[in-house]
Amino acid sequence: MKFNVFTQAQEFEDKAKPFLTENDDVYSLFYGVLQGIKAGRYENPFMATIEVNDVIVALFQMTPPHPLNLIIIDESKMDDIITFSVDELFKLKLPINSAVGVKSVVTTFSEKWQETSKCKSRLLMNQGLYRLDQVDQSLEKSPGSWRYARKDEAPLLALWFKAFEKDTGLKNSPMEAIKEKVNQFLEDEEVFFWEDQGKIVSMMKKARPSERGVTVSFVYTPPEERKKGYARTMVAAGSEELLKTYDFCVLYTDMMNPTSNKIYQEIGYRKIADSIHIEFMEEGL
């Protein structure tokens, strides 16, 4: 096996793209972050492959302080590939604080990484990855209509971003960082609002577009507007709009939240993979 580290995003994409394009629903996160690396949105990105006889069997990507994202292409040799990768990554002294990806792969990596680096771990997110090709037209819709968020609505979006982080257990971002992200969302026309009788009651955004697909993320309804079907209707309408441009939509759900999983399946989303995010900590913490 040969462990290859890349410094040029385009060179890495040339190697990874054939596999990622063929599997761009399951690995939409990996491919989307790679596009961000190419656009210069991350500092000190890490990109690597493992090859056997010039055939790629694994892909690695990290944009510190974000998690290591790993893909094992030949899962029949997963134990050997991960053992080799852990040894190579440990030699590089990379600051791997967490890992994300397909559940079976990240679970195996976590076990090996803990043995080698003498750390412990905890589960941050246990998620289902769902794909939509067509919205169920029999779905009952809530009153109102969707529209793109306007730039003058940035303050509301920033407040909802903060609330979304709290609801989902994500680390709290500084408000300045949130405002910067929100302004970029609005500049790129990525945010959809659901409005009922002139009041904004729910939202979603699109993210990480590829040649064929796009991710639905940041689905949020404020507490006082919940249990009225707004989120389901917003995601259905927003996804239907996105399907005019893309072949499919994908989204991640919290597997500990049966309500959200049920809602997305009612829209027409079907589960295609299990994904987990595991954090690593020093022993004793």
C-alpha atoms as a PDB file:
ATOM      1  CA  MET A   1       0.000   0.000   0.000  1.00  0.00           C
ATOM      2  CA  LYS A   2       1.084   3.553  -0.716  1.00  0.00           C
ATOM      3  CA  PHE A   3      -0.064   6.603   1.241  1.00  0.00           C
ATOM      4  CA  ASN A   4      -0.070   9.729  -0.935  1.00  0.00           C
ATOM      5  CA  VAL A   5      -0.531  13.252   0.454  1.00  0.00           C
ATOM      6  CA  PHE A   6      -1.641  16.025  -1.933  1.00  0.00           C
ATOM      7  CA  THR A   7      -1.022  19.755  -1.708  1.00  0.00           C
ATOM      8  CA  GLN A   8      -2.955  20.705  -4.863  1.00  0.00           C
ATOM      9  CA  ALA A   9      -6.736  20.322  -4.698  1.00  0.00           C
ATOM     10  CA  GLN A  10      -7.094  19.909  -8.453  1.00  0.00           C
ATOM     11  CA  GLU A  11      -4.581  17.050  -8.509  1.00  0.00           C
ATOM     12  CA  PHE A  12      -6.442  15.372  -5.651  1.00  0.00           C
ATOM     13  CA  GLU A  13      -9.791  15.855  -7.393  1.00  0.00           C
ATOM     14  CA  ASP A  14      -8.424  14.307 -10.585  1.00  0.00           C
ATOM     15  CA  LYS A  15      -7.682  11.179  -8.567  1.00  0.00           C
ATOM     16  CA  ALA A  16     -10.872  11.153  -6.501  1.00  0.00           C
ATOM     17  CA  LYS A  17     -13.474  12.437  -8.942  1.00  0.00           C
ATOM     18  CA  PRO A  18     -14.215   9.210 -10.874  1.00  0.00           C
ATOM     19  CA  PHE A  19     -15.284   7.463  -7.663  1.00  0.00           C
ATOM     20  CA  LEU A  20     -16.964  10.513  -6.110  1.00  0.00           C
ATOM     21  CA  THR A  21     -18.967  11.263  -9.249  1.00  0.00           C
ATOM     22  CA  GLU A  22     -20.245   7.697  -9.399  1.00  0.00           C
ATOM     23  CA  ASN A  23     -21.224   7.819  -5.706  1.00  0.00           C
ATOM     24  CA  ASP A  24     -22.043  11.504  -5.276  1.00  0.00           C
ATOM     25  CA  ASP A  25     -25.151  10.873  -3.177  1.00  0.00           C
ATOM     26  CA  VAL A  26     -23.432   8.913  -0.381  1.00  0.00           C
ATOM     27  CA  TYR A  27     -20.270  11.039  -0.506  1.00  0.00           C
ATOM     28  CA  SER A  28     -21.834  14.444  -1.149  1.00  0.00           C
ATOM     29  CA  LEU A  29     -20.213  15.904   1.987  1.00  0.00           C
ATOM     30  CA  PHE A  30     -16.725  14.829   0.898  1.00  0.00           C
ATOM     31  CA  TYR A  31     -17.186  16.157  -2.627  1.00  0.00           C
ATOM     32  CA  GLY A  32     -18.732  19.412  -1.427  1.00  0.00           C
ATOM     33  CA  VAL A  33     -15.884  20.156   0.968  1.00  0.00           C
ATOM     34  CA  LEU A  34     -13.419  19.411  -1.818  1.00  0.00           C
ATOM     35  CA  GLN A  35     -15.073  22.113  -3.916  1.00  0.00           C
ATOM     36  CA  GLY A  36     -14.640  24.481  -0.980  1.00  0.00           C
ATOM     37  CA  ILE A  37     -10.952  23.599  -0.782  1.00  0.00           C
ATOM     38  CA  LYS A  38     -10.593  24.315  -4.492  1.00  0.00           C
ATOM     39  CA  ALA A  39     -12.288  27.691  -3.959  1.00  0.00           C
ATOM     40  CA  GLY A  40      -9.788  28.586  -1.223  1.00  0.00           C
ATOM     41  CA  ARG A  41     -12.315  28.602   1.635  1.00  0.00           C
ATOM     42  CA  TYR A  42     -10.171  26.500   3.988  1.00  0.00           C
ATOM     43  CA  GLU A  43      -6.695  26.965   5.419  1.00  0.00           C
ATOM     44  CA  ASN A  44      -4.218  24.075   5.550  1.00  0.00           C
ATOM     45  CA  PRO A  45      -6.477  21.392   4.061  1.00  0.00           C
ATOM     46  CA  PHE A  46      -5.299  17.783   4.235  1.00  0.00           C
ATOM     47  CA  MET A  47      -5.915  15.488   1.258  1.00  0.00           C
ATOM     48  CA  ALA A  48      -4.607  11.951   0.811  1.00  0.00           C
ATOM     49  CA  THR A  49      -5.190   8.634  -0.913  1.00  0.00           C
ATOM     50  CA  ILE A  50      -4.135   5.054  -0.375  1.00  0.00           C
ATOM     51  CA  GLU A  51      -3.279   3.160  -3.532  1.00  0.00           C
ATOM     52  CA  VAL A  52      -2.569  -0.487  -4.188  1.00  0.00           C
ATOM     53  CA  ASN A  53      -0.888  -1.172  -7.526  1.00  0.00           C
ATOM     54  CA  ASP A  54      -1.939   2.301  -8.724  1.00  0.00           C
ATOM     55  CA  VAL A  55      -5.573   1.628  -7.815  1.00  0.00           C
ATOM     56  CA  ILE A  56      -7.144   3.963  -5.221  1.00  0.00           C
ATOM     57  CA  VAL A  57      -8.653   2.071  -2.293  1.00  0.00           C
ATOM     58  CA  ALA A  58      -9.179   4.946   0.196  1.00  0.00           C
ATOM     59  CA  LEU A  59      -9.630   8.727   0.299  1.00  0.00           C
ATOM     60  CA  PHE A  60      -8.968  11.145   3.175  1.00  0.00           C
ATOM     61  CA  GLN A  61      -9.818  14.802   3.608  1.00  0.00           C
ATOM     62  CA  MET A  62      -9.640  17.235   6.529  1.00  0.00           C
ATOM     63  CA  THR A  63     -10.008  20.999   6.925  1.00  0.00           C
ATOM     64  CA  PRO A  64      -8.865  21.686  10.520  1.00  0.00           C
ATOM     65  CA  PRO A  65     -10.504  22.088  12.973  1.00  0.00           C
ATOM     66  CA  HIS A  66     -13.250  20.152  11.148  1.00  0.00           C
ATOM     67  CA  PRO A  67     -13.347  16.333  11.229  1.00  0.00           C
ATOM     68  CA  LEU A  68     -11.320  13.897   9.195  1.00  0.00           C
ATOM     69  CA  ASN A  69     -13.597  12.573   6.449  1.00  0.00           C
ATOM     70  CA  LEU A  70     -12.558   9.153   5.210  1.00  0.00           C
ATOM     71  CA  ILE A  71     -13.792   6.832   2.496  1.00  0.00           C
ATOM     72  CA  ILE A  72     -12.820   3.185   2.117  1.00  0.00           C
ATOM     73  CA  ILE A  73     -13.472   2.213  -1.491  1.00  0.00           C
ATOM     74  CA  ASP A  74     -12.538  -1.458  -1.161  1.00  0.00           C
ATOM     75  CA  GLU A  75     -14.406  -2.425   2.013  1.00  0.00           C
ATOM     76  CA  SER A  76     -13.389  -6.086   1.625  1.00  0.00           C
ATOM     77  CA  LYS A  77      -9.929  -4.983   2.802  1.00  0.00           C
ATOM     78  CA  MET A  78     -11.182  -2.404   5.299  1.00  0.00           C
ATOM     79  CA  ASP A  79      -9.289  -3.665   8.372  1.00  0.00           C
ATOM     80  CA  ASP A  80      -5.948  -3.747   6.558  1.00  0.00           C
ATOM     81  CA  ILE A  81      -6.523  -0.363   4.897  1.00  0.00           C
ATOM     82  CA  ILE A  82      -7.558   1.356   8.117  1.00  0.00           C
ATOM     83  CA  THR A  83      -4.697  -0.177  10.120  1.00  0.00           C
ATOM     84  CA  PHE A  84      -2.267   1.118   7.505  1.00  0.00           C
ATOM     85  CA  SER A  85      -3.923   4.542   7.359  1.00  0.00           C
ATOM     86  CA  VAL A  86      -3.908   4.975  11.148  1.00  0.00           C
ATOM     87  CA  ASP A  87      -0.175   4.255  11.259  1.00  0.00           C
ATOM     88  CA  GLU A  88       0.512   6.748   8.464  1.00  0.00           C
ATOM     89  CA  LEU A  89      -1.728   9.464   9.918  1.00  0.00           C
ATOM     90  CA  PHE A  90      -0.181   9.030  13.366  1.00  0.00           C
ATOM     91  CA  LYS A  91       3.319   9.471  11.891  1.00  0.00           C
ATOM     92  CA  LEU A  92       2.194  12.762  10.330  1.00  0.00           C
ATOM     93  CA  LYS A  93       1.085  14.042  13.776  1.00  0.00           C
ATOM     94  CA  LEU A  94      -2.122  15.444  12.317  1.00  0.00           C
ATOM     95  CA  PRO A  95      -4.479  17.170  14.798  1.00  0.00           C
ATOM     96  CA  ILE A  96      -7.351  14.722  14.316  1.00  0.00           C
ATOM     97  CA  ASN A  97     -10.012  15.835  16.787  1.00  0.00           C
ATOM     98  CA  SER A  98     -12.851  13.876  15.207  1.00  0.00           C
ATOM     99  CA  ALA A  99     -13.831  11.720  12.235  1.00  0.00           C
ATOM    100  CA  VAL A 100     -16.943  11.562  10.066  1.00  0.00           C
ATOM    101  CA  GLY A 101     -18.218   9.246   7.362  1.00  0.00           C
ATOM    102  CA  VAL A 102     -20.039   5.971   6.726  1.00  0.00           C
ATOM    103  CA  LYS A 103     -20.756   4.327  10.071  1.00  0.00           C
ATOM    104  CA  SER A 104     -18.913   1.037   9.511  1.00  0.00           C
ATOM    105  CA  VAL A 105     -15.796   2.836   8.295  1.00  0.00           C
ATOM    106  CA  VAL A 106     -15.620   5.485  11.024  1.00  0.00           C
ATOM    107  CA  THR A 107     -16.374   2.938  13.765  1.00  0.00           C
ATOM    108  CA  THR A 108     -13.469   0.773  12.631  1.00  0.00           C
ATOM    109  CA  PHE A 109     -11.180   3.795  12.265  1.00  0.00           C
ATOM    110  CA  SER A 110     -12.128   5.027  15.745  1.00  0.00           C
ATOM    111  CA  GLU A 111     -11.198   1.717  17.362  1.00  0.00           C
ATOM    112  CA  LYS A 112      -7.799   1.642  15.641  1.00  0.00           C
ATOM    113  CA  TRP A 113      -7.111   5.339  16.248  1.00  0.00           C
ATOM    114  CA  GLN A 114      -7.825   5.022  19.968  1.00  0.00           C
ATOM    115  CA  GLU A 115      -5.419   2.100  20.261  1.00  0.00           C
ATOM    116  CA  THR A 116      -2.636   3.938  18.465  1.00  0.00           C
ATOM    117  CA  SER A 117      -3.041   7.472  19.816  1.00  0.00           C
ATOM    118  CA  LYS A 118      -4.041   6.407  23.348  1.00  0.00           C
ATOM    119  CA  CYS A 119      -7.173   8.542  23.336  1.00  0.00           C
ATOM    120  CA  LYS A 120     -10.827   7.966  24.080  1.00  0.00           C
ATOM    121  CA  SER A 121     -13.877   8.822  21.995  1.00  0.00           C
ATOM    122  CA  ARG A 122     -17.501   9.847  22.173  1.00  0.00           C
ATOM    123  CA  LEU A 123     -20.301   9.828  19.642  1.00  0.00           C
ATOM    124  CA  LEU A 124     -21.271  13.324  18.510  1.00  0.00           C
ATOM    125  CA  MET A 125     -23.818  12.479  15.813  1.00  0.00           C
ATOM    126  CA  ASN A 126     -25.550   9.309  14.684  1.00  0.00           C
ATOM    127  CA  GLN A 127     -27.162  10.209  11.387  1.00  0.00           C
ATOM    128  CA  GLY A 128     -29.094   8.723   8.532  1.00  0.00           C
ATOM    129  CA  LEU A 129     -28.328   9.891   5.005  1.00  0.00           C
ATOM    130  CA  TYR A 130     -31.428  10.128   2.805  1.00  0.00           C
ATOM    131  CA  ARG A 131     -31.896  10.643  -0.937  1.00  0.00           C
ATOM    132  CA  LEU A 132     -34.863  12.122  -2.821  1.00  0.00           C
ATOM    133  CA  ASP A 133     -35.543  11.704  -6.538  1.00  0.00           C
ATOM    134  CA  GLN A 134     -39.188  12.779  -6.594  1.00  0.00           C
ATOM    135  CA  VAL A 135     -41.478  14.479  -4.070  1.00  0.00           C
ATOM    136  CA  ASP A 136     -44.610  12.540  -3.092  1.00  0.00           C
ATOM    137  CA  GLN A 137     -47.388  14.601  -4.672  1.00  0.00           C
ATOM    138  CA  SER A 138     -50.014  13.223  -2.280  1.00  0.00           C
ATOM    139  CA  LEU A 139     -48.355  14.988   0.651  1.00  0.00           C
ATOM    140  CA  GLU A 140     -50.684  17.250   2.632  1.00  0.00           C
ATOM    141  CA  LYS A 141     -49.284  20.807   2.637  1.00  0.00           C
ATOM    142  CA  SER A 142     -49.424  23.498   5.310  1.00  0.00           C
ATOM    143  CA  PRO A 143     -50.752  26.969   4.386  1.00  0.00           C
ATOM    144  CA  GLY A 144     -48.340  29.503   2.950  1.00  0.00           C
ATOM    145  CA  SER A 145     -45.657  29.602   0.273  1.00  0.00           C
ATOM    146  CA  TRP A 146     -41.899  29.553  -0.093  1.00  0.00           C
ATOM    147  CA  ARG A 147     -39.514  32.254  -1.229  1.00  0.00           C
ATOM    148  CA  TYR A 148     -35.782  32.995  -1.149  1.00  0.00           C
ATOM    149  CA  ALA A 149     -34.535  34.881   1.908  1.00  0.00           C
ATOM    150  CA  ARG A 150     -33.584  38.522   1.333  1.00  0.00           C
ATOM    151  CA  LYS A 151     -30.339  40.171   2.387  1.00  0.00           C
ATOM    152  CA  ASP A 152     -32.177  42.506   4.789  1.00  0.00           C
ATOM    153  CA  GLU A 153     -33.356  39.399   6.692  1.00  0.00           C
ATOM    154  CA  ALA A 154     -29.809  38.538   7.813  1.00  0.00           C
ATOM    155  CA  PRO A 155     -30.494  39.408  11.508  1.00  0.00           C
ATOM    156  CA  LEU A 156     -33.372  36.879  11.697  1.00  0.00           C
ATOM    157  CA  LEU A 157     -31.308  34.237   9.930  1.00  0.00           C
ATOM    158  CA  ALA A 158     -28.408  34.783  12.362  1.00  0.00           C
ATOM    159  CA  LEU A 159     -30.742  34.292  15.336  1.00  0.00           C
ATOM    160  CA  TRP A 160     -32.138  31.110  13.826  1.00  0.00           C
ATOM    161  CA  PHE A 161     -28.627  29.847  13.072  1.00  0.00           C
ATOM    162  CA  LYS A 162     -27.749  30.281  16.765  1.00  0.00           C
ATOM    163  CA  ALA A 163     -30.954  28.507  17.812  1.00  0.00           C
ATOM    164  CA  PHE A 164     -30.308  25.692  15.321  1.00  0.00           C
ATOM    165  CA  GLU A 165     -26.852  25.082  16.838  1.00  0.00           C
ATOM    166  CA  LYS A 166     -28.412  24.845  20.304  1.00  0.00           C
ATOM    167  CA  ASP A 167     -31.186  22.494  19.170  1.00  0.00           C
ATOM    168  CA  THR A 168     -28.809  20.128  17.388  1.00  0.00           C
ATOM    169  CA  GLY A 169     -26.093  20.127  20.053  1.00  0.00           C
ATOM    170  CA  LEU A 170     -23.484  21.745  17.804  1.00  0.00           C
ATOM    171  CA  LYS A 171     -20.731  23.854  19.304  1.00  0.00           C
ATOM    172  CA  ASN A 172     -21.723  27.489  19.678  1.00  0.00           C
ATOM    173  CA  SER A 173     -20.195  29.649  16.959  1.00  0.00           C
ATOM    174  CA  PRO A 174     -19.166  33.248  17.734  1.00  0.00           C
ATOM    175  CA  MET A 175     -21.804  35.687  16.499  1.00  0.00           C
ATOM    176  CA  GLU A 176     -19.323  37.361  14.165  1.00  0.00           C
ATOM    177  CA  ALA A 177     -18.638  34.010  12.484  1.00  0.00           C
ATOM    178  CA  ILE A 178     -22.379  33.361  12.211  1.00  0.00           C
ATOM    179  CA  LYS A 179     -22.981  36.752  10.603  1.00  0.00           C
ATOM    180  CA  GLU A 180     -20.225  36.058   8.073  1.00  0.00           C
ATOM    181  CA  LYS A 181     -21.741  32.682   7.163  1.00  0.00           C
ATOM    182  CA  VAL A 182     -25.237  34.139   6.948  1.00  0.00           C
ATOM    183  CA  ASN A 183     -24.120  36.910   4.616  1.00  0.00           C
ATOM    184  CA  GLN A 184     -22.510  34.304   2.350  1.00  0.00           C
ATOM    185  CA  PHE A 185     -25.692  32.176   2.397  1.00  0.00           C
ATOM    186  CA  LEU A 186     -27.747  35.164   1.308  1.00  0.00           C
ATOM    187  CA  GLU A 187     -25.227  36.295  -1.290  1.00  0.00           C
ATOM    188  CA  ASP A 188     -25.362  32.831  -2.866  1.00  0.00           C
ATOM    189  CA  GLU A 189     -29.198  32.668  -2.624  1.00  0.00           C
ATOM    190  CA  GLU A 190     -29.089  29.411  -0.669  1.00  0.00           C
ATOM    191  CA  VAL A 191     -31.796  30.081   1.931  1.00  0.00           C
ATOM    192  CA  PHE A 192     -35.486  29.212   1.505  1.00  0.00           C
ATOM    193  CA  PHE A 193     -38.153  30.667   3.820  1.00  0.00           C
ATOM    194  CA  TRP A 194     -41.715  29.393   4.318  1.00  0.00           C
ATOM    195  CA  GLU A 195     -44.108  32.271   4.876  1.00  0.00           C
ATOM    196  CA  ASP A 196     -47.683  32.049   6.146  1.00  0.00           C
ATOM    197  CA  GLN A 197     -49.854  35.181   6.160  1.00  0.00           C
ATOM    198  CA  GLY A 198     -46.797  37.413   5.957  1.00  0.00           C
ATOM    199  CA  LYS A 199     -44.929  35.667   8.800  1.00  0.00           C
ATOM    200  CA  ILE A 200     -41.740  33.631   8.285  1.00  0.00           C
ATOM    201  CA  VAL A 201     -42.352  30.311  10.050  1.00  0.00           C
ATOM    202  CA  SER A 202     -39.735  27.837   8.761  1.00  0.00           C
ATOM    203  CA  MET A 203     -36.586  27.577   6.656  1.00  0.00           C
ATOM    204  CA  MET A 204     -34.081  25.340   4.895  1.00  0.00           C
ATOM    205  CA  LYS A 205     -30.986  25.896   2.795  1.00  0.00           C
ATOM    206  CA  LYS A 206     -29.227  24.204  -0.070  1.00  0.00           C
ATOM    207  CA  ALA A 207     -25.568  23.240   0.218  1.00  0.00           C
ATOM    208  CA  ARG A 208     -22.718  21.487  -1.539  1.00  0.00           C
ATOM    209  CA  PRO A 209     -24.100  21.221  -5.087  1.00  0.00           C
ATOM    210  CA  SER A 210     -22.449  18.657  -7.351  1.00  0.00           C
ATOM    211  CA  GLU A 211     -22.950  17.965 -11.034  1.00  0.00           C
ATOM    212  CA  ARG A 212     -26.034  15.824 -10.289  1.00  0.00           C
ATOM    213  CA  GLY A 213     -27.127  16.445  -6.717  1.00  0.00           C
ATOM    214  CA  VAL A 214     -27.492  18.954  -3.907  1.00  0.00           C
ATOM    215  CA  THR A 215     -27.759  18.769  -0.111  1.00  0.00           C
ATOM    216  CA  VAL A 216     -30.699  20.084   1.923  1.00  0.00           C
ATOM    217  CA  SER A 217     -29.546  21.378   5.308  1.00  0.00           C
ATOM    218  CA  PHE A 218     -30.290  23.806   8.140  1.00  0.00           C
ATOM    219  CA  VAL A 219     -33.969  22.864   8.423  1.00  0.00           C
ATOM    220  CA  TYR A 220     -35.341  24.986  11.269  1.00  0.00           C
ATOM    221  CA  THR A 221     -38.704  26.047  12.658  1.00  0.00           C
ATOM    222  CA  PRO A 222     -38.918  28.228  15.791  1.00  0.00           C
ATOM    223  CA  PRO A 223     -40.542  26.505  18.809  1.00  0.00           C
ATOM    224  CA  GLU A 224     -43.749  28.540  18.664  1.00  0.00           C
ATOM    225  CA  GLU A 225     -44.408  27.427  15.059  1.00  0.00           C
ATOM    226  CA  ARG A 226     -43.717  23.714  15.466  1.00  0.00           C
ATOM    227  CA  LYS A 227     -46.206  20.847  15.132  1.00  0.00           C
ATOM    228  CA  LYS A 228     -48.006  22.683  12.315  1.00  0.00           C
ATOM    229  CA  GLY A 229     -46.341  20.826   9.423  1.00  0.00           C
ATOM    230  CA  TYR A 230     -44.324  23.835   8.286  1.00  0.00           C
ATOM    231  CA  ALA A 231     -40.933  22.070   8.228  1.00  0.00           C
ATOM    232  CA  ARG A 232     -42.252  19.146   6.204  1.00  0.00           C
ATOM    233  CA  THR A 233     -43.963  21.490   3.734  1.00  0.00           C
ATOM    234  CA  MET A 234     -40.891  23.721   3.479  1.00  0.00           C
ATOM    235  CA  VAL A 235     -38.560  20.804   2.754  1.00  0.00           C
ATOM    236  CA  ALA A 236     -41.020  19.304   0.258  1.00  0.00           C
ATOM    237  CA  ALA A 237     -41.448  22.590  -1.643  1.00  0.00           C
ATOM    238  CA  GLY A 238     -37.763  23.508  -1.466  1.00  0.00           C
ATOM    239  CA  SER A 239     -36.667  20.059  -2.570  1.00  0.00           C
ATOM    240  CA  GLU A 240     -39.134  20.116  -5.460  1.00  0.00           C
ATOM    241  CA  GLU A 241     -37.661  23.436  -6.589  1.00  0.00           C
ATOM    242  CA  LEU A 242     -34.113  22.049  -6.364  1.00  0.00           C
ATOM    243  CA  LEU A 243     -35.108  18.973  -8.395  1.00  0.00           C
ATOM    244  CA  LYS A 244     -35.825  21.284 -11.316  1.00  0.00           C
ATOM    245  CA  THR A 245     -32.032  21.768 -11.521  1.00  0.00           C
ATOM    246  CA  TYR A 246     -30.573  18.625  -9.923  1.00  0.00           C
ATOM    247  CA  ASP A 247     -31.212  14.906 -10.367  1.00  0.00           C
ATOM    248  CA  PHE A 248     -31.523  14.301  -6.630  1.00  0.00           C
ATOM    249  CA  CYS A 249     -31.390  15.877  -3.164  1.00  0.00           C
ATOM    250  CA  VAL A 250     -29.771  14.413  -0.062  1.00  0.00           C
ATOM    251  CA  LEU A 251     -30.080  15.299   3.599  1.00  0.00           C
ATOM    252  CA  TYR A 252     -28.831  14.068   6.974  1.00  0.00           C
ATOM    253  CA  THR A 253     -31.170  13.241   9.856  1.00  0.00           C
ATOM    254  CA  ASP A 254     -30.601  12.618  13.550  1.00  0.00           C
ATOM    255  CA  MET A 255     -31.326   8.924  14.064  1.00  0.00           C
ATOM    256  CA  MET A 256     -32.303   9.693  17.654  1.00  0.00           C
ATOM    257  CA  ASN A 257     -35.171  11.851  16.369  1.00  0.00           C
ATOM    258  CA  PRO A 258     -37.850   9.510  14.937  1.00  0.00           C
ATOM    259  CA  THR A 259     -40.131  12.455  14.117  1.00  0.00           C
ATOM    260  CA  SER A 260     -37.756  14.070  11.631  1.00  0.00           C
ATOM    261  CA  ASN A 261     -36.952  10.718  10.020  1.00  0.00           C
ATOM    262  CA  LYS A 262     -40.683  10.057   9.576  1.00  0.00           C
ATOM    263  CA  ILE A 263     -41.290  13.531   8.113  1.00  0.00           C
ATOM    264  CA  TYR A 264     -38.607  13.196   5.445  1.00  0.00           C
ATOM    265  CA  GLN A 265     -39.782   9.733   4.444  1.00  0.00           C
ATOM    266  CA  GLU A 266     -43.299  11.118   3.986  1.00  0.00           C
ATOM    267  CA  ILE A 267     -41.848  13.624   1.508  1.00  0.00           C
ATOM    268  CA  GLY A 268     -40.200  10.829  -0.477  1.00  0.00           C
ATOM    269  CA  TYR A 269     -36.683  10.676   0.959  1.00  0.00           C
ATOM    270  CA  ARG A 270     -35.227   7.181   1.244  1.00  0.00           C
ATOM    271  CA  LYS A 271     -32.334   6.156   3.479  1.00  0.00           C
ATOM    272  CA  ILE A 272     -29.150   5.241   1.595  1.00  0.00           C
ATOM    273  CA  ALA A 273     -26.493   5.134   4.343  1.00  0.00           C
ATOM    274  CA  ASP A 274     -25.702   5.447   8.048  1.00  0.00           C
ATOM    275  CA  SER A 275     -23.230   8.169   8.958  1.00  0.00           C
ATOM    276  CA  ILE A 276     -21.538   8.991  12.261  1.00  0.00           C
ATOM    277  CA  HIS A 277     -19.337  11.738  13.673  1.00  0.00           C
ATOM    278  CA  ILE A 278     -16.989  10.631  16.487  1.00  0.00           C
ATOM    279  CA  GLU A 279     -14.898  12.974  18.637  1.00  0.00           C
ATOM    280  CA  PHE A 280     -11.470  12.033  20.054  1.00  0.00           C
ATOM    281  CA  MET A 281     -10.217  13.248  23.424  1.00  0.00           C
ATOM    282  CA  GLU A 282      -7.124  12.750  25.525  1.00  0.00           C
ATOM    283  CA  GLU A 283      -7.325  10.062  28.184  1.00  0.00           C
ATOM    284  CA  GLY A 284      -8.457  11.477  31.500  1.00  0.00           C
ATOM    285  CA  LEU A 285     -10.606  14.268  30.013  1.00  0.00           C
END
